Amino acid sequence: MQFKIRMRKSIISKSVDDMVQKIHHLQSVFFTLKGDSLATDERLHAIEEEVRLLWAASRKYNFDLHMADIVTEQWIQIQRVEQALHITQVFSA
């Protein structure tokens, strides 16, 4: 009878030890996943910020290109006006 009790106690003790090990393993996995999740969230935030900066740069470059087109068009118009003025001066002289 004592032997059976000791055997059951040993089996129960082993089962408890196994469960404790599984709990520790699961806690370790949980904290690793939680850490990975935080790292992923930080990376996602960094990428979102980079996208915002790229959009801002893109808008600025588009504006600069638009202004360059306007300046080029105005320069062409100035040259035409100067040519017309020169032609007018030649014919009126």
N, C-alpha and C. Protein backbone atom coordinates (compact mmCIF):
# COMPACT_ATOMS: atom_id res chain seq x y z
N MET A 1 0.83 -1.19 0.00
CA MET A 1 0.00 0.00 0.00
C MET A 1 0.87 1.25 0.00
N GLN A 2 1.88 1.28 0.88
CA GLN A 2 2.80 2.42 0.94
C GLN A 2 3.52 2.59 -0.39
N PHE A 3 3.84 1.48 -1.00
CA PHE A 3 4.55 1.53 -2.27
C PHE A 3 3.69 2.20 -3.35
N LYS A 4 2.38 1.86 -3.38
CA LYS A 4 1.46 2.44 -4.35
C LYS A 4 1.33 3.95 -4.12
N ILE A 5 1.26 4.33 -2.86
CA ILE A 5 1.14 5.76 -2.53
C ILE A 5 2.39 6.50 -3.00
N ARG A 6 3.55 5.91 -2.71
CA ARG A 6 4.80 6.55 -3.14
C ARG A 6 4.89 6.63 -4.67
N MET A 7 4.44 5.59 -5.36
CA MET A 7 4.44 5.58 -6.82
C MET A 7 3.53 6.67 -7.37
N ARG A 8 2.33 6.77 -6.79
CA ARG A 8 1.38 7.80 -7.24
C ARG A 8 1.93 9.19 -6.94
N LYS A 9 2.53 9.33 -5.76
CA LYS A 9 3.13 10.61 -5.39
C LYS A 9 4.25 10.96 -6.36
N SER A 10 5.03 9.99 -6.72
CA SER A 10 6.13 10.20 -7.66
C SER A 10 5.59 10.59 -9.04
N ILE A 11 4.54 9.89 -9.46
CA ILE A 11 3.93 10.20 -10.76
C ILE A 11 3.34 11.60 -10.75
N ILE A 12 2.63 11.93 -9.67
CA ILE A 12 2.03 13.27 -9.55
C ILE A 12 3.12 14.33 -9.52
N SER A 13 4.18 14.07 -8.76
CA SER A 13 5.29 15.02 -8.67
C SER A 13 5.92 15.23 -10.05
N LYS A 14 6.10 14.14 -10.79
CA LYS A 14 6.67 14.24 -12.14
C LYS A 14 5.74 15.03 -13.05
N SER A 15 4.43 14.77 -12.94
CA SER A 15 3.46 15.50 -13.76
C SER A 15 3.48 17.00 -13.44
N VAL A 16 3.57 17.32 -12.15
CA VAL A 16 3.63 18.72 -11.74
C VAL A 16 4.91 19.37 -12.30
N ASP A 17 6.03 18.66 -12.19
CA ASP A 17 7.29 19.19 -12.72
C ASP A 17 7.19 19.42 -14.24
N ASP A 18 6.58 18.47 -14.93
CA ASP A 18 6.39 18.62 -16.38
C ASP A 18 5.52 19.84 -16.70
N MET A 19 4.46 20.00 -15.92
CA MET A 19 3.57 21.15 -16.13
C MET A 19 4.29 22.47 -15.85
N VAL A 20 5.11 22.48 -14.80
CA VAL A 20 5.87 23.69 -14.48
C VAL A 20 6.82 24.02 -15.64
N GLN A 21 7.47 23.00 -16.18
CA GLN A 21 8.36 23.23 -17.32
C GLN A 21 7.59 23.76 -18.53
N LYS A 22 6.42 23.19 -18.77
CA LYS A 22 5.60 23.65 -19.89
C LYS A 22 5.15 25.10 -19.68
N ILE A 23 4.78 25.42 -18.44
CA ILE A 23 4.37 26.79 -18.12
C ILE A 23 5.53 27.75 -18.36
N HIS A 24 6.72 27.39 -17.90
CA HIS A 24 7.89 28.24 -18.13
C HIS A 24 8.18 28.41 -19.62
N HIS A 25 8.06 27.31 -20.35
CA HIS A 25 8.28 27.37 -21.79
C HIS A 25 7.25 28.29 -22.45
N LEU A 26 5.98 28.13 -22.09
CA LEU A 26 4.93 28.96 -22.67
C LEU A 26 5.11 30.43 -22.30
N GLN A 27 5.54 30.69 -21.06
CA GLN A 27 5.81 32.07 -20.67
C GLN A 27 6.96 32.64 -21.50
N SER A 28 7.97 31.85 -21.70
CA SER A 28 9.11 32.28 -22.50
C SER A 28 8.67 32.59 -23.94
N VAL A 29 7.88 31.70 -24.51
CA VAL A 29 7.37 31.91 -25.87
C VAL A 29 6.50 33.17 -25.91
N PHE A 30 5.65 33.33 -24.91
CA PHE A 30 4.78 34.51 -24.84
C PHE A 30 5.59 35.80 -24.82
N PHE A 31 6.59 35.86 -23.95
CA PHE A 31 7.40 37.08 -23.84
C PHE A 31 8.21 37.32 -25.12
N THR A 32 8.66 36.24 -25.75
CA THR A 32 9.37 36.39 -27.02
C THR A 32 8.44 36.96 -28.08
N LEU A 33 7.22 36.39 -28.16
CA LEU A 33 6.25 36.89 -29.14
C LEU A 33 5.86 38.34 -28.84
N LYS A 34 5.70 38.63 -27.56
CA LYS A 34 5.35 40.00 -27.18
C LYS A 34 6.48 40.95 -27.57
N GLY A 35 7.72 40.55 -27.33
CA GLY A 35 8.87 41.36 -27.73
C GLY A 35 8.94 41.54 -29.24
N ASP A 36 8.68 40.44 -29.97
CA ASP A 36 8.66 40.51 -31.43
C ASP A 36 7.56 41.45 -31.91
N SER A 37 6.41 41.39 -31.23
CA SER A 37 5.29 42.25 -31.58
C SER A 37 5.65 43.72 -31.37
N LEU A 38 6.32 44.02 -30.26
CA LEU A 38 6.74 45.40 -30.00
C LEU A 38 7.74 45.86 -31.05
N ALA A 39 8.68 44.98 -31.39
CA ALA A 39 9.67 45.33 -32.42
C ALA A 39 8.98 45.55 -33.76
N THR A 40 7.99 44.71 -34.06
CA THR A 40 7.24 44.87 -35.31
C THR A 40 6.46 46.18 -35.30
N ASP A 41 5.83 46.51 -34.18
CA ASP A 41 5.11 47.78 -34.07
C ASP A 41 6.04 48.97 -34.25
N GLU A 42 7.22 48.89 -33.66
CA GLU A 42 8.19 49.98 -33.82
C GLU A 42 8.63 50.10 -35.27
N ARG A 43 8.88 48.98 -35.92
CA ARG A 43 9.29 49.00 -37.33
C ARG A 43 8.17 49.55 -38.20
N LEU A 44 6.93 49.14 -37.91
CA LEU A 44 5.79 49.64 -38.66
C LEU A 44 5.67 51.15 -38.51
N HIS A 45 5.84 51.65 -37.29
CA HIS A 45 5.78 53.09 -37.05
C HIS A 45 6.88 53.80 -37.82
N ALA A 46 8.07 53.24 -37.83
CA ALA A 46 9.19 53.85 -38.56
C ALA A 46 8.90 53.88 -40.07
N ILE A 47 8.32 52.81 -40.59
CA ILE A 47 7.98 52.77 -42.01
C ILE A 47 6.89 53.78 -42.34
N GLU A 48 5.88 53.89 -41.47
CA GLU A 48 4.82 54.88 -41.68
C GLU A 48 5.41 56.29 -41.71
N GLU A 49 6.33 56.57 -40.80
CA GLU A 49 6.97 57.89 -40.77
C GLU A 49 7.78 58.12 -42.04
N GLU A 50 8.47 57.09 -42.50
CA GLU A 50 9.25 57.21 -43.73
C GLU A 50 8.34 57.49 -44.92
N VAL A 51 7.18 56.83 -44.96
CA VAL A 51 6.21 57.06 -46.04
C VAL A 51 5.72 58.51 -45.99
N ARG A 52 5.42 59.02 -44.78
CA ARG A 52 4.98 60.41 -44.66
C ARG A 52 6.05 61.37 -45.18
N LEU A 53 7.30 61.11 -44.83
CA LEU A 53 8.40 61.97 -45.29
C LEU A 53 8.56 61.89 -46.81
N LEU A 54 8.42 60.68 -47.36
CA LEU A 54 8.54 60.53 -48.81
C LEU A 54 7.41 61.25 -49.54
N TRP A 55 6.18 61.19 -48.99
CA TRP A 55 5.06 61.92 -49.60
C TRP A 55 5.32 63.42 -49.56
N ALA A 56 5.83 63.90 -48.44
CA ALA A 56 6.14 65.34 -48.33
C ALA A 56 7.20 65.73 -49.35
N ALA A 57 8.23 64.93 -49.49
CA ALA A 57 9.28 65.22 -50.47
C ALA A 57 8.72 65.17 -51.88
N SER A 58 7.87 64.21 -52.15
CA SER A 58 7.26 64.08 -53.47
C SER A 58 6.42 65.32 -53.80
N ARG A 59 5.63 65.78 -52.83
CA ARG A 59 4.82 66.99 -53.05
C ARG A 59 5.72 68.20 -53.34
N LYS A 60 6.82 68.31 -52.58
CA LYS A 60 7.74 69.44 -52.78
C LYS A 60 8.37 69.37 -54.17
N TYR A 61 8.83 68.19 -54.58
CA TYR A 61 9.44 68.04 -55.90
C TYR A 61 8.44 68.34 -57.01
N ASN A 62 7.20 67.88 -56.84
CA ASN A 62 6.17 68.17 -57.84
C ASN A 62 5.93 69.67 -57.94
N PHE A 63 5.89 70.34 -56.80
CA PHE A 63 5.71 71.79 -56.79
C PHE A 63 6.89 72.47 -57.48
N ASP A 64 8.11 72.03 -57.14
CA ASP A 64 9.31 72.61 -57.76
C ASP A 64 9.30 72.41 -59.28
N LEU A 65 8.90 71.21 -59.73
CA LEU A 65 8.82 70.96 -61.18
C LEU A 65 7.78 71.85 -61.83
N HIS A 66 6.65 72.00 -61.17
CA HIS A 66 5.58 72.86 -61.69
C HIS A 66 6.08 74.30 -61.81
N MET A 67 6.77 74.77 -60.78
CA MET A 67 7.31 76.14 -60.81
C MET A 67 8.37 76.27 -61.90
N ALA A 68 9.19 75.25 -62.09
CA ALA A 68 10.21 75.29 -63.13
C ALA A 68 9.56 75.38 -64.51
N ASP A 69 8.45 74.65 -64.70
CA ASP A 69 7.72 74.72 -65.97
C ASP A 69 7.17 76.13 -66.20
N ILE A 70 6.63 76.73 -65.13
CA ILE A 70 6.10 78.09 -65.24
C ILE A 70 7.21 79.07 -65.59
N VAL A 71 8.34 78.97 -64.89
CA VAL A 71 9.47 79.87 -65.15
C VAL A 71 9.97 79.69 -66.58
N THR A 72 10.07 78.45 -67.05
CA THR A 72 10.51 78.18 -68.42
C THR A 72 9.55 78.81 -69.42
N GLU A 73 8.25 78.61 -69.19
CA GLU A 73 7.24 79.19 -70.09
C GLU A 73 7.33 80.71 -70.09
N GLN A 74 7.50 81.31 -68.92
CA GLN A 74 7.62 82.77 -68.85
C GLN A 74 8.88 83.24 -69.56
N TRP A 75 9.97 82.51 -69.44
CA TRP A 75 11.22 82.88 -70.11
C TRP A 75 11.02 82.84 -71.63
N ILE A 76 10.33 81.82 -72.13
CA ILE A 76 10.04 81.73 -73.56
C ILE A 76 9.20 82.92 -74.00
N GLN A 77 8.19 83.28 -73.18
CA GLN A 77 7.35 84.43 -73.52
C GLN A 77 8.16 85.72 -73.52
N ILE A 78 9.07 85.88 -72.58
CA ILE A 78 9.93 87.08 -72.54
C ILE A 78 10.79 87.15 -73.79
N GLN A 79 11.35 86.02 -74.20
CA GLN A 79 12.17 86.01 -75.42
C GLN A 79 11.34 86.40 -76.64
N ARG A 80 10.10 85.92 -76.73
CA ARG A 80 9.23 86.27 -77.86
C ARG A 80 8.90 87.76 -77.85
N VAL A 81 8.64 88.30 -76.65
CA VAL A 81 8.36 89.73 -76.54
C VAL A 81 9.59 90.54 -76.97
N GLU A 82 10.78 90.10 -76.53
CA GLU A 82 12.01 90.80 -76.93
C GLU A 82 12.22 90.73 -78.44
N GLN A 83 11.93 89.56 -79.03
CA GLN A 83 12.06 89.43 -80.49
C GLN A 83 11.06 90.34 -81.20
N ALA A 84 9.83 90.35 -80.70
CA ALA A 84 8.81 91.22 -81.30
C ALA A 84 9.21 92.68 -81.17
N LEU A 85 9.76 93.07 -80.02
CA LEU A 85 10.21 94.44 -79.81
C LEU A 85 11.35 94.77 -80.79
N HIS A 86 12.26 93.85 -80.94
CA HIS A 86 13.40 94.06 -81.85
C HIS A 86 12.90 94.22 -83.29
N ILE A 87 11.99 93.34 -83.70
CA ILE A 87 11.44 93.41 -85.06
C ILE A 87 10.70 94.73 -85.25
N THR A 88 9.93 95.14 -84.25
CA THR A 88 9.20 96.41 -84.33
C THR A 88 10.18 97.57 -84.45
N GLN A 89 11.26 97.52 -83.69
CA GLN A 89 12.25 98.60 -83.74
C GLN A 89 12.94 98.63 -85.11
N VAL A 90 13.21 97.46 -85.69
CA VAL A 90 13.87 97.40 -87.00
C VAL A 90 12.95 97.98 -88.07
N PHE A 91 11.67 97.62 -88.03
CA PHE A 91 10.75 98.10 -89.06
C PHE A 91 10.40 99.57 -88.88
N SER A 92 10.44 100.08 -87.68
CA SER A 92 10.09 101.48 -87.46
C SER A 92 11.29 102.40 -87.61
N ALA A 93 12.46 101.87 -87.78
CA ALA A 93 13.65 102.72 -87.91
C ALA A 93 13.87 103.20 -89.31
